[in-house]
Amino acid sequence: MVDRLREMQASSPDIEGSAIVSVDGLSIASALQQEIEEDRVSAMSAAMLSLGERIASELGRGVLEQVYIRGENGFVVLMAVGKEAVLTALASKKAKLGLIFLDMRRAVEDLVKLI
């Protein structure tokens, strides 16, 4: 799984780090920068996925496809990997989101088979 994360990051150089996290907030695999705490990313990713799913459902938006957060220094993008995990990617502020979304969707298709 780590190899698939690294492959995704190689095809999208604006992805600075990524992780696969269980819906319970436990890290499954990661390719994060050294200064980023894996446990914090895991816990926050699971919480955001849960909140995003609830918002989408309660506001009649259908099944959640992705959550993205835009900050001053870049983006955090989350996509569900089946019902048991989430793929989180940290992207630079100059990232082209359409390409990030495409590469993440392709990674999710592969990762679903492994989880």
N, C-alpha and C. Protein backbone atom coordinates (compact mmCIF):
# COMPACT_ATOMS: atom_id res chain seq x y z
N MET A 1 0.82 -1.19 0.00
CA MET A 1 0.00 0.00 0.00
C MET A 1 0.86 1.26 0.00
N VAL A 2 1.95 1.22 0.74
CA VAL A 2 2.86 2.37 0.75
C VAL A 2 3.40 2.62 -0.65
N ASP A 3 3.67 1.54 -1.37
CA ASP A 3 4.16 1.69 -2.74
C ASP A 3 3.13 2.40 -3.61
N ARG A 4 1.85 2.09 -3.42
CA ARG A 4 0.80 2.74 -4.21
C ARG A 4 0.71 4.22 -3.86
N LEU A 5 0.89 4.56 -2.58
CA LEU A 5 0.90 5.96 -2.17
C LEU A 5 2.07 6.70 -2.83
N ARG A 6 3.22 6.09 -2.80
CA ARG A 6 4.41 6.72 -3.41
C ARG A 6 4.24 6.87 -4.92
N GLU A 7 3.61 5.89 -5.53
CA GLU A 7 3.34 5.96 -6.98
C GLU A 7 2.43 7.14 -7.29
N MET A 8 1.39 7.32 -6.47
CA MET A 8 0.47 8.45 -6.64
C MET A 8 1.22 9.76 -6.50
N GLN A 9 2.08 9.86 -5.50
CA GLN A 9 2.85 11.08 -5.27
C GLN A 9 3.84 11.33 -6.40
N ALA A 10 4.38 10.29 -6.98
CA ALA A 10 5.31 10.45 -8.10
C ALA A 10 4.59 10.98 -9.34
N SER A 11 3.35 10.53 -9.54
CA SER A 11 2.61 10.98 -10.72
C SER A 11 2.01 12.37 -10.52
N SER A 12 1.86 12.80 -9.27
CA SER A 12 1.38 14.15 -8.95
C SER A 12 2.37 14.78 -7.98
N PRO A 13 3.41 15.42 -8.48
CA PRO A 13 4.44 15.97 -7.60
C PRO A 13 3.92 17.01 -6.60
N ASP A 14 2.74 17.58 -6.86
CA ASP A 14 2.18 18.54 -5.92
C ASP A 14 1.58 17.88 -4.69
N ILE A 15 1.46 16.54 -4.70
CA ILE A 15 1.05 15.83 -3.49
C ILE A 15 2.29 15.67 -2.62
N GLU A 16 2.27 16.31 -1.47
CA GLU A 16 3.43 16.34 -0.59
C GLU A 16 3.46 15.19 0.40
N GLY A 17 2.33 14.55 0.60
CA GLY A 17 2.25 13.42 1.52
C GLY A 17 0.89 12.79 1.42
N SER A 18 0.78 11.53 1.85
CA SER A 18 -0.51 10.85 1.78
C SER A 18 -0.55 9.73 2.82
N ALA A 19 -1.78 9.33 3.14
CA ALA A 19 -1.97 8.27 4.12
C ALA A 19 -3.28 7.55 3.86
N ILE A 20 -3.33 6.29 4.26
CA ILE A 20 -4.56 5.51 4.25
C ILE A 20 -4.88 5.26 5.72
N VAL A 21 -6.09 5.60 6.10
CA VAL A 21 -6.49 5.58 7.50
C VAL A 21 -7.79 4.81 7.64
N SER A 22 -7.91 4.02 8.69
CA SER A 22 -9.18 3.32 8.95
C SER A 22 -10.22 4.34 9.41
N VAL A 23 -11.49 4.00 9.27
CA VAL A 23 -12.55 4.91 9.71
C VAL A 23 -12.52 5.10 11.23
N ASP A 24 -11.80 4.23 11.93
CA ASP A 24 -11.62 4.37 13.38
C ASP A 24 -10.47 5.29 13.73
N GLY A 25 -9.74 5.78 12.73
CA GLY A 25 -8.65 6.70 12.99
C GLY A 25 -7.29 6.06 13.16
N LEU A 26 -7.15 4.81 12.75
CA LEU A 26 -5.86 4.12 12.86
C LEU A 26 -5.14 4.16 11.52
N SER A 27 -3.85 4.41 11.56
CA SER A 27 -3.06 4.46 10.33
C SER A 27 -2.91 3.06 9.74
N ILE A 28 -3.18 2.93 8.46
CA ILE A 28 -2.98 1.67 7.74
C ILE A 28 -1.66 1.72 6.99
N ALA A 29 -1.41 2.83 6.31
CA ALA A 29 -0.15 3.03 5.57
C ALA A 29 0.02 4.53 5.36
N SER A 30 1.27 4.97 5.28
CA SER A 30 1.48 6.40 5.04
C SER A 30 2.79 6.66 4.32
N ALA A 31 2.78 7.77 3.61
CA ALA A 31 3.97 8.30 2.95
C ALA A 31 3.96 9.80 3.22
N LEU A 32 4.09 10.12 4.50
CA LEU A 32 4.03 11.51 4.96
C LEU A 32 5.44 12.06 5.17
N GLN A 33 5.53 13.37 5.14
CA GLN A 33 6.80 14.01 5.46
C GLN A 33 7.12 13.74 6.92
N GLN A 34 8.41 13.71 7.22
CA GLN A 34 8.87 13.34 8.55
C GLN A 34 8.29 14.21 9.67
N GLU A 35 8.11 15.49 9.40
CA GLU A 35 7.66 16.40 10.46
C GLU A 35 6.15 16.32 10.71
N ILE A 36 5.44 15.54 9.94
CA ILE A 36 3.99 15.41 10.11
C ILE A 36 3.69 14.17 10.93
N GLU A 37 2.93 14.35 12.00
CA GLU A 37 2.60 13.24 12.90
C GLU A 37 1.51 12.35 12.29
N GLU A 38 1.88 11.12 12.05
CA GLU A 38 0.97 10.15 11.43
C GLU A 38 -0.30 9.95 12.26
N ASP A 39 -0.17 9.86 13.58
CA ASP A 39 -1.33 9.63 14.43
C ASP A 39 -2.32 10.79 14.37
N ARG A 40 -1.81 12.01 14.30
CA ARG A 40 -2.71 13.18 14.22
C ARG A 40 -3.44 13.20 12.88
N VAL A 41 -2.71 12.93 11.81
CA VAL A 41 -3.33 12.88 10.48
C VAL A 41 -4.42 11.81 10.47
N SER A 42 -4.13 10.66 11.06
CA SER A 42 -5.10 9.56 11.09
C SER A 42 -6.37 9.95 11.82
N ALA A 43 -6.22 10.50 13.01
CA ALA A 43 -7.39 10.87 13.81
C ALA A 43 -8.21 11.96 13.13
N MET A 44 -7.55 12.98 12.60
CA MET A 44 -8.27 14.07 11.96
C MET A 44 -8.94 13.61 10.66
N SER A 45 -8.30 12.74 9.92
CA SER A 45 -8.88 12.24 8.66
C SER A 45 -10.17 11.47 8.93
N ALA A 46 -10.14 10.60 9.91
CA ALA A 46 -11.33 9.82 10.26
C ALA A 46 -12.46 10.74 10.71
N ALA A 47 -12.13 11.74 11.52
CA ALA A 47 -13.14 12.67 12.01
C ALA A 47 -13.75 13.47 10.85
N MET A 48 -12.92 13.95 9.94
CA MET A 48 -13.42 14.73 8.80
C MET A 48 -14.28 13.88 7.87
N LEU A 49 -13.87 12.65 7.64
CA LEU A 49 -14.66 11.76 6.79
C LEU A 49 -16.04 11.54 7.40
N SER A 50 -16.07 11.27 8.69
CA SER A 50 -17.34 11.05 9.38
C SER A 50 -18.23 12.29 9.31
N LEU A 51 -17.66 13.44 9.57
CA LEU A 51 -18.42 14.68 9.52
C LEU A 51 -18.90 14.97 8.09
N GLY A 52 -18.04 14.78 7.11
CA GLY A 52 -18.42 14.99 5.72
C GLY A 52 -19.56 14.09 5.29
N GLU A 53 -19.50 12.82 5.69
CA GLU A 53 -20.57 11.88 5.35
C GLU A 53 -21.89 12.32 5.97
N ARG A 54 -21.83 12.77 7.21
CA ARG A 54 -23.05 13.20 7.89
C ARG A 54 -23.63 14.45 7.24
N ILE A 55 -22.78 15.41 6.93
CA ILE A 55 -23.25 16.64 6.28
C ILE A 55 -23.89 16.32 4.93
N ALA A 56 -23.20 15.53 4.11
CA ALA A 56 -23.73 15.18 2.78
C ALA A 56 -25.08 14.50 2.90
N SER A 57 -25.19 13.58 3.85
CA SER A 57 -26.43 12.84 4.03
C SER A 57 -27.56 13.73 4.53
N GLU A 58 -27.30 14.47 5.60
CA GLU A 58 -28.36 15.27 6.22
C GLU A 58 -28.80 16.45 5.37
N LEU A 59 -27.93 16.92 4.50
CA LEU A 59 -28.30 18.04 3.64
C LEU A 59 -28.72 17.58 2.24
N GLY A 60 -28.94 16.27 2.11
CA GLY A 60 -29.48 15.73 0.86
C GLY A 60 -28.53 15.80 -0.32
N ARG A 61 -27.24 15.72 -0.07
CA ARG A 61 -26.25 15.79 -1.15
C ARG A 61 -25.83 14.42 -1.65
N GLY A 62 -26.39 13.36 -1.11
CA GLY A 62 -26.06 12.01 -1.56
C GLY A 62 -24.84 11.45 -0.87
N VAL A 63 -24.26 10.44 -1.49
CA VAL A 63 -23.09 9.76 -0.93
C VAL A 63 -21.87 10.66 -1.07
N LEU A 64 -21.12 10.77 0.00
CA LEU A 64 -19.91 11.60 0.00
C LEU A 64 -18.88 11.06 -0.98
N GLU A 65 -18.33 11.92 -1.81
CA GLU A 65 -17.27 11.53 -2.75
C GLU A 65 -15.91 11.99 -2.26
N GLN A 66 -15.85 13.22 -1.77
CA GLN A 66 -14.57 13.74 -1.31
C GLN A 66 -14.79 14.92 -0.38
N VAL A 67 -13.79 15.19 0.41
CA VAL A 67 -13.75 16.37 1.27
C VAL A 67 -12.44 17.06 0.93
N TYR A 68 -12.50 18.35 0.72
CA TYR A 68 -11.22 19.04 0.56
C TYR A 68 -11.22 20.32 1.36
N ILE A 69 -10.06 20.60 1.89
CA ILE A 69 -9.85 21.76 2.74
C ILE A 69 -8.77 22.60 2.09
N ARG A 70 -9.05 23.87 1.94
CA ARG A 70 -8.06 24.78 1.35
C ARG A 70 -7.55 25.70 2.44
N GLY A 71 -6.26 25.68 2.62
CA GLY A 71 -5.62 26.55 3.60
C GLY A 71 -4.63 27.46 2.91
N GLU A 72 -4.09 28.36 3.64
CA GLU A 72 -3.13 29.33 3.12
C GLU A 72 -1.92 28.65 2.46
N ASN A 73 -1.53 27.50 2.97
CA ASN A 73 -0.33 26.82 2.47
C ASN A 73 -0.60 25.58 1.63
N GLY A 74 -1.87 25.34 1.29
CA GLY A 74 -2.16 24.18 0.46
C GLY A 74 -3.49 23.53 0.79
N PHE A 75 -3.63 22.30 0.34
CA PHE A 75 -4.89 21.57 0.43
C PHE A 75 -4.74 20.26 1.19
N VAL A 76 -5.85 19.85 1.79
CA VAL A 76 -5.98 18.50 2.33
C VAL A 76 -7.19 17.90 1.61
N VAL A 77 -7.00 16.76 0.97
CA VAL A 77 -8.08 16.12 0.22
C VAL A 77 -8.30 14.73 0.79
N LEU A 78 -9.56 14.40 1.05
CA LEU A 78 -9.90 13.08 1.58
C LEU A 78 -10.88 12.39 0.65
N MET A 79 -10.66 11.10 0.41
CA MET A 79 -11.59 10.28 -0.38
C MET A 79 -11.77 8.95 0.33
N ALA A 80 -12.99 8.47 0.36
CA ALA A 80 -13.27 7.18 0.97
C ALA A 80 -12.64 6.06 0.14
N VAL A 81 -12.11 5.07 0.85
CA VAL A 81 -11.58 3.85 0.22
C VAL A 81 -12.50 2.74 0.70
N GLY A 82 -13.57 2.49 -0.03
CA GLY A 82 -14.58 1.55 0.43
C GLY A 82 -15.28 2.12 1.65
N LYS A 83 -15.76 1.24 2.51
CA LYS A 83 -16.48 1.67 3.72
C LYS A 83 -15.59 1.67 4.96
N GLU A 84 -14.37 1.17 4.82
CA GLU A 84 -13.52 0.97 6.00
C GLU A 84 -12.31 1.89 6.10
N ALA A 85 -12.05 2.72 5.08
CA ALA A 85 -10.83 3.52 5.12
C ALA A 85 -11.00 4.82 4.34
N VAL A 86 -10.03 5.70 4.52
CA VAL A 86 -10.00 6.98 3.82
C VAL A 86 -8.58 7.23 3.32
N LEU A 87 -8.49 7.78 2.11
CA LEU A 87 -7.21 8.20 1.55
C LEU A 87 -7.10 9.70 1.76
N THR A 88 -6.04 10.13 2.41
CA THR A 88 -5.79 11.54 2.68
C THR A 88 -4.56 11.97 1.91
N ALA A 89 -4.66 13.09 1.22
CA ALA A 89 -3.50 13.64 0.50
C ALA A 89 -3.30 15.09 0.91
N LEU A 90 -2.05 15.45 1.11
CA LEU A 90 -1.66 16.82 1.41
C LEU A 90 -1.03 17.39 0.15
N ALA A 91 -1.59 18.48 -0.36
CA ALA A 91 -1.13 19.03 -1.64
C ALA A 91 -0.66 20.47 -1.47
N SER A 92 0.27 20.87 -2.30
CA SER A 92 0.81 22.23 -2.25
C SER A 92 -0.24 23.23 -2.70
N LYS A 93 -0.01 24.50 -2.38
CA LYS A 93 -0.99 25.53 -2.74
C LYS A 93 -1.07 25.77 -4.24
N LYS A 94 -0.05 25.35 -4.99
CA LYS A 94 -0.08 25.52 -6.45
C LYS A 94 -0.64 24.29 -7.17
N ALA A 95 -1.12 23.33 -6.42
CA ALA A 95 -1.63 22.08 -7.00
C ALA A 95 -2.83 22.32 -7.91
N LYS A 96 -2.90 21.55 -8.96
CA LYS A 96 -4.06 21.56 -9.85
C LYS A 96 -5.00 20.47 -9.32
N LEU A 97 -6.07 20.92 -8.69
CA LEU A 97 -6.95 19.98 -7.99
C LEU A 97 -7.56 18.92 -8.88
N GLY A 98 -7.89 19.26 -10.11
CA GLY A 98 -8.46 18.26 -11.01
C GLY A 98 -7.54 17.07 -11.19
N LEU A 99 -6.25 17.33 -11.34
CA LEU A 99 -5.28 16.25 -11.49
C LEU A 99 -5.12 15.46 -10.19
N ILE A 100 -5.14 16.17 -9.07
CA ILE A 100 -5.04 15.51 -7.76
C ILE A 100 -6.24 14.57 -7.59
N PHE A 101 -7.44 15.07 -7.87
CA PHE A 101 -8.65 14.25 -7.73
C PHE A 101 -8.56 13.01 -8.62
N LEU A 102 -8.11 13.19 -9.86
CA LEU A 102 -7.99 12.07 -10.79
C LEU A 102 -7.01 11.02 -10.28
N ASP A 103 -5.83 11.45 -9.85
CA ASP A 103 -4.84 10.51 -9.34
C ASP A 103 -5.32 9.82 -8.07
N MET A 104 -6.03 10.55 -7.23
CA MET A 104 -6.55 9.93 -6.01
C MET A 104 -7.63 8.90 -6.34
N ARG A 105 -8.51 9.21 -7.28
CA ARG A 105 -9.55 8.24 -7.67
C ARG A 105 -8.93 6.97 -8.21
N ARG A 106 -7.89 7.11 -9.01
CA ARG A 106 -7.20 5.93 -9.54
C ARG A 106 -6.57 5.12 -8.41
N ALA A 107 -5.97 5.81 -7.45
CA ALA A 107 -5.37 5.12 -6.31
C ALA A 107 -6.44 4.40 -5.50
N VAL A 108 -7.58 5.06 -5.28
CA VAL A 108 -8.68 4.45 -4.53
C VAL A 108 -9.14 3.16 -5.20
N GLU A 109 -9.25 3.16 -6.53
CA GLU A 109 -9.67 1.95 -7.25
C GLU A 109 -8.72 0.79 -6.96
N ASP A 110 -7.43 1.08 -6.88
CA ASP A 110 -6.45 0.03 -6.58
C ASP A 110 -6.49 -0.36 -5.10
N LEU A 111 -6.61 0.63 -4.23
CA LEU A 111 -6.55 0.37 -2.79
C LEU A 111 -7.76 -0.40 -2.28
N VAL A 112 -8.93 -0.17 -2.88
CA VAL A 112 -10.14 -0.88 -2.47
C VAL A 112 -9.92 -2.39 -2.55
N LYS A 113 -9.16 -2.83 -3.53
CA LYS A 113 -8.90 -4.26 -3.71
C LYS A 113 -7.97 -4.82 -2.63
N LEU A 114 -7.22 -3.95 -1.98
CA LEU A 114 -6.24 -4.38 -0.98
C LEU A 114 -6.76 -4.32 0.45
N ILE A 115 -7.82 -3.56 0.65
CA ILE A 115 -8.32 -3.36 2.03
C ILE A 115 -9.49 -4.29 2.29
